[in-house]
Amino acid sequence: MLVRRHIRAATLLAGQMIGDRDEAEDIVQAAFTVVHKRLAEFDRARPFPAWLFGIVRRIAERTRTRNARRKRLLGKWGAHTVDAPHAPAADVLLSARTRLEAVYDAMHILSPMQRACFELVAIRNVAPADAAAMHGISESTVRQHVFRARNAIRSAIGEDA
């Protein structure tokens, strides 16, 4: 039941951090393995999603560090470099309408956290409370990031705020 309820949000979070869907799915699988092994340690007075997303963030960060180290070593040894992963949701947005393409192009001006919150809430339709749990911040902070991101994107693509 916990897997069904939280797998989508956990995969979105891992995908945002890593940029590769297959690797994000591996991270989520590893996270649920950790949850299963350490379920007895879980404090039931605290929300489960925050615990799960913390595990996902730590595993994704270790994976990102490992990938960067591998890429650096391969470059140092003169081997073929590893291709950089695609930007999260780039394939979906590039095939979307022209306006969505303009929004995506304008997202580069956002801070990393604004971009992450905007992508989850505005593009992926994740509830602000879930996005907050995913990133370990308050729901009001998520809403503020989304509000500021929308205003910045509107200005960048020439729409009235």
Protein backbone atom coordinates (compact mmCIF):
# COMPACT_ATOMS: atom_id res chain seq x y z
CA MET A 1 0.00 0.00 0.00
CA LEU A 2 2.82 2.44 0.87
CA VAL A 3 4.57 1.72 -2.41
CA ARG A 4 1.43 2.35 -4.46
CA ARG A 5 0.71 5.55 -2.58
CA HIS A 6 4.18 7.11 -2.78
CA ILE A 7 6.03 5.61 -5.76
CA ARG A 8 5.04 8.34 -8.23
CA ALA A 9 6.14 11.22 -6.03
CA ALA A 10 9.35 9.42 -5.03
CA THR A 11 10.19 8.71 -8.67
CA LEU A 12 9.52 12.34 -9.63
CA LEU A 13 11.84 13.53 -6.86
CA ALA A 14 14.61 11.13 -7.84
CA GLY A 15 14.15 12.07 -11.49
CA GLN A 16 14.49 15.76 -10.67
CA MET A 17 17.69 15.14 -8.79
CA ILE A 18 19.27 12.72 -11.28
CA GLY A 19 17.69 13.61 -14.61
CA ASP A 20 17.42 10.01 -15.78
CA ARG A 21 14.16 8.08 -15.45
CA ASP A 22 15.72 4.61 -15.36
CA GLU A 23 18.18 5.61 -12.69
CA ALA A 24 15.39 7.36 -10.75
CA GLU A 25 13.42 4.11 -10.70
CA ASP A 26 16.49 2.27 -9.38
CA ILE A 27 16.89 4.89 -6.65
CA VAL A 28 13.24 4.54 -5.61
CA GLN A 29 13.56 0.76 -5.51
CA ALA A 30 16.62 1.10 -3.28
CA ALA A 31 14.74 3.58 -1.08
CA PHE A 32 11.82 1.21 -0.57
CA THR A 33 14.31 -1.56 0.26
CA VAL A 34 15.77 0.68 2.97
CA VAL A 35 12.23 1.45 4.21
CA HIS A 36 11.45 -2.26 4.41
CA LYS A 37 14.66 -3.03 6.32
CA ARG A 38 14.27 -0.12 8.74
CA LEU A 39 10.52 0.01 9.21
CA ALA A 40 10.92 -0.90 12.89
CA GLU A 41 13.00 2.29 13.36
CA PHE A 42 10.30 4.53 11.87
CA ASP A 43 8.70 6.95 14.34
CA ARG A 44 4.98 6.57 13.65
CA ALA A 45 4.33 10.00 15.18
CA ARG A 46 6.08 11.57 12.18
CA PRO A 47 4.78 11.64 8.59
CA PHE A 48 5.91 8.71 6.44
CA PRO A 49 6.40 10.72 3.19
CA ALA A 50 8.99 13.00 4.79
CA TRP A 51 10.98 9.95 5.96
CA LEU A 52 10.74 8.24 2.55
CA PHE A 53 11.67 11.37 0.61
CA GLY A 54 14.66 11.96 2.89
CA ILE A 55 15.89 8.47 2.04
CA VAL A 56 15.31 9.10 -1.68
CA ARG A 57 17.22 12.41 -1.49
CA ARG A 58 20.20 10.78 0.24
CA ILE A 59 20.38 7.87 -2.23
CA ALA A 60 19.99 10.24 -5.21
CA GLU A 61 22.72 12.51 -3.89
CA ARG A 62 25.09 9.55 -3.47
CA THR A 63 24.21 8.40 -7.00
CA ARG A 64 24.81 11.86 -8.43
CA THR A 65 28.17 12.07 -6.65
CA ARG A 66 29.15 8.60 -7.89
CA ASN A 67 28.17 9.47 -11.47
CA ALA A 68 30.16 12.73 -11.37
CA ARG A 69 33.19 10.89 -10.01
CA ARG A 70 32.92 8.24 -12.75
CA LYS A 71 32.58 10.88 -15.45
CA ARG A 72 35.58 12.79 -14.08
CA LEU A 73 37.71 9.64 -13.90
CA LEU A 74 36.71 8.50 -17.38
CA GLY A 75 37.66 11.92 -18.73
CA LYS A 76 40.93 11.85 -16.82
CA TRP A 77 41.85 8.44 -18.17
CA GLY A 78 41.03 9.48 -21.72
CA ALA A 79 38.13 7.08 -22.12
CA HIS A 80 34.90 7.99 -23.80
CA THR A 81 32.90 10.40 -21.71
CA VAL A 82 29.50 9.49 -20.41
CA ASP A 83 26.65 11.39 -22.03
CA ALA A 84 24.93 13.83 -19.72
CA PRO A 85 21.41 12.72 -18.76
CA HIS A 86 18.46 14.51 -20.29
CA ALA A 87 16.82 17.32 -18.37
CA PRO A 88 13.80 16.08 -16.40
CA ALA A 89 10.63 16.09 -18.49
CA ALA A 90 12.41 17.61 -21.51
CA ASP A 91 11.01 15.00 -23.90
CA VAL A 92 7.46 15.69 -22.79
CA LEU A 93 7.77 19.45 -22.95
CA LEU A 94 9.53 19.58 -26.31
CA SER A 95 6.67 17.71 -27.96
CA ALA A 96 4.07 19.93 -26.28
CA ARG A 97 2.53 23.10 -27.63
CA THR A 98 4.67 26.13 -28.51
CA ARG A 99 3.65 27.94 -25.34
CA LEU A 100 4.88 25.10 -23.19
CA GLU A 101 8.14 25.15 -25.12
CA ALA A 102 8.51 28.83 -24.29
CA VAL A 103 7.80 28.13 -20.61
CA TYR A 104 10.38 25.36 -20.55
CA ASP A 105 12.95 27.54 -22.27
CA ALA A 106 12.29 30.27 -19.72
CA MET A 107 12.75 27.90 -16.77
CA HIS A 108 16.54 28.30 -17.03
CA ILE A 109 16.24 31.69 -15.33
CA LEU A 110 14.79 30.12 -12.17
CA SER A 111 16.77 29.11 -9.12
CA PRO A 112 17.13 25.33 -8.72
CA MET A 113 14.51 25.16 -5.95
CA GLN A 114 12.06 27.38 -7.84
CA ARG A 115 12.52 25.19 -10.89
CA ALA A 116 11.99 21.99 -8.86
CA CYS A 117 8.87 23.30 -7.12
CA PHE A 118 7.43 24.77 -10.32
CA GLU A 119 8.00 21.54 -12.23
CA LEU A 120 6.35 19.43 -9.55
CA VAL A 121 3.34 21.67 -8.84
CA ALA A 122 2.64 23.39 -12.16
CA ILE A 123 3.80 20.80 -14.67
CA ARG A 124 3.53 17.44 -12.90
CA ASN A 125 0.41 18.37 -10.88
CA VAL A 126 1.87 17.27 -7.54
CA ALA A 127 0.16 18.74 -4.48
CA PRO A 128 2.20 21.50 -2.78
CA ALA A 129 2.13 19.52 0.47
CA ASP A 130 3.68 16.52 -1.29
CA ALA A 131 6.29 18.70 -3.01
CA ALA A 132 7.14 20.18 0.39
CA ALA A 133 7.63 16.72 1.88
CA MET A 134 9.74 15.68 -1.11
CA HIS A 135 12.17 18.57 -0.64
CA GLY A 136 12.02 18.85 3.14
CA ILE A 137 10.60 22.38 3.16
CA SER A 138 7.30 23.89 4.28
CA GLU A 139 4.24 23.96 2.06
CA SER A 140 4.16 27.76 2.19
CA THR A 141 7.75 27.84 0.91
CA VAL A 142 6.74 25.62 -2.03
CA ARG A 143 3.83 27.93 -2.83
CA GLN A 144 6.15 30.95 -2.65
CA HIS A 145 8.67 29.31 -5.02
CA VAL A 146 5.89 28.44 -7.49
CA PHE A 147 4.44 31.97 -7.31
CA ARG A 148 7.82 33.57 -7.95
CA ALA A 149 8.63 31.08 -10.70
CA ARG A 150 5.35 31.81 -12.49
CA ASN A 151 5.98 35.55 -12.34
CA ALA A 152 9.55 35.17 -13.61
CA ILE A 153 8.43 32.92 -16.48
CA ARG A 154 5.59 35.25 -17.43
CA SER A 155 8.04 38.14 -17.61
CA ALA A 156 10.51 36.08 -19.63
CA ILE A 157 7.99 35.00 -22.25
CA GLY A 158 6.38 38.42 -22.44
CA GLU A 159 3.05 37.78 -20.74
CA ASP A 160 1.48 40.20 -18.29
CA ALA A 161 1.82 39.00 -14.72
